[in-house]
Amino acid sequence: MLKKSSEEKGIQRGET
């Protein structure tokens, strides 16, 4: 769960 959250956040942060 923590790993998935980090991946989702990384994608949003990298996209922005």
PDB file of N, CA and C in Angstrom:
ATOM      1  N   MET A   1       0.851  -1.200   0.000  1.00  0.00           N
ATOM      2  CA  MET A   1       0.000   0.000   0.000  1.00  0.00           C
ATOM      3  C   MET A   1       0.890   1.256   0.000  1.00  0.00           C
ATOM      4  N   LEU A   2       1.862   1.256   0.846  1.00  0.00           N
ATOM      5  CA  LEU A   2       2.734   2.440   0.932  1.00  0.00           C
ATOM      6  C   LEU A   2       3.503   2.600  -0.381  1.00  0.00           C
ATOM      7  N   LYS A   3       3.922   1.472  -0.916  1.00  0.00           N
ATOM      8  CA  LYS A   3       4.694   1.540  -2.163  1.00  0.00           C
ATOM      9  C   LYS A   3       3.807   2.050  -3.302  1.00  0.00           C
ATOM     10  N   LYS A   4       2.568   1.577  -3.318  1.00  0.00           N
ATOM     11  CA  LYS A   4       1.653   2.006  -4.388  1.00  0.00           C
ATOM     12  C   LYS A   4       1.392   3.514  -4.262  1.00  0.00           C
ATOM     13  N   SER A   5       1.223   3.976  -3.067  1.00  0.00           N
ATOM     14  CA  SER A   5       0.936   5.417  -2.835  1.00  0.00           C
ATOM     15  C   SER A   5       2.136   6.240  -3.331  1.00  0.00           C
ATOM     16  N   SER A   6       3.309   5.755  -3.060  1.00  0.00           N
ATOM     17  CA  SER A   6       4.525   6.498  -3.447  1.00  0.00           C
ATOM     18  C   SER A   6       4.605   6.557  -4.979  1.00  0.00           C
ATOM     19  N   GLU A   7       4.254   5.461  -5.620  1.00  0.00           N
ATOM     20  CA  GLU A   7       4.326   5.429  -7.085  1.00  0.00           C
ATOM     21  C   GLU A   7       3.304   6.390  -7.682  1.00  0.00           C
ATOM     22  N   GLU A   8       2.119   6.373  -7.124  1.00  0.00           N
ATOM     23  CA  GLU A   8       1.070   7.277  -7.639  1.00  0.00           C
ATOM     24  C   GLU A   8       1.487   8.733  -7.442  1.00  0.00           C
ATOM     25  N   LYS A   9       2.052   9.027  -6.309  1.00  0.00           N
ATOM     26  CA  LYS A   9       2.477  10.411  -6.018  1.00  0.00           C
ATOM     27  C   LYS A   9       3.632  10.789  -6.950  1.00  0.00           C
ATOM     28  N   GLY A  10       4.525   9.899  -7.190  1.00  0.00           N
ATOM     29  CA  GLY A  10       5.675  10.179  -8.061  1.00  0.00           C
ATOM     30  C   GLY A  10       5.212  10.494  -9.480  1.00  0.00           C
ATOM     31  N   ILE A  11       4.214   9.764  -9.938  1.00  0.00           N
ATOM     32  CA  ILE A  11       3.713  10.003 -11.299  1.00  0.00           C
ATOM     33  C   ILE A  11       3.086  11.393 -11.373  1.00  0.00           C
ATOM     34  N   GLN A  12       2.268  11.727 -10.405  1.00  0.00           N
ATOM     35  CA  GLN A  12       1.611  13.045 -10.405  1.00  0.00           C
ATOM     36  C   GLN A  12       2.673  14.143 -10.273  1.00  0.00           C
ATOM     37  N   ARG A  13       3.646  13.918  -9.458  1.00  0.00           N
ATOM     38  CA  ARG A  13       4.689  14.951  -9.229  1.00  0.00           C
ATOM     39  C   ARG A  13       5.529  15.081 -10.499  1.00  0.00           C
ATOM     40  N   GLY A  14       5.833  13.986 -11.129  1.00  0.00           N
ATOM     41  CA  GLY A  14       6.658  14.044 -12.345  1.00  0.00           C
ATOM     42  C   GLY A  14       5.871  14.658 -13.504  1.00  0.00           C
ATOM     43  N   GLU A  15       4.576  14.382 -13.546  1.00  0.00           N
ATOM     44  CA  GLU A  15       3.761  14.926 -14.643  1.00  0.00           C
ATOM     45  C   GLU A  15       3.597  16.437 -14.493  1.00  0.00           C
ATOM     46  N   THR A  16       3.418  16.890 -13.262  1.00  0.00           N
ATOM     47  CA  THR A  16       3.180  18.330 -13.062  1.00  0.00           C
ATOM     48  C   THR A  16       4.461  19.102 -13.350  1.00  0.00           C
TER      49      THR A  16
END
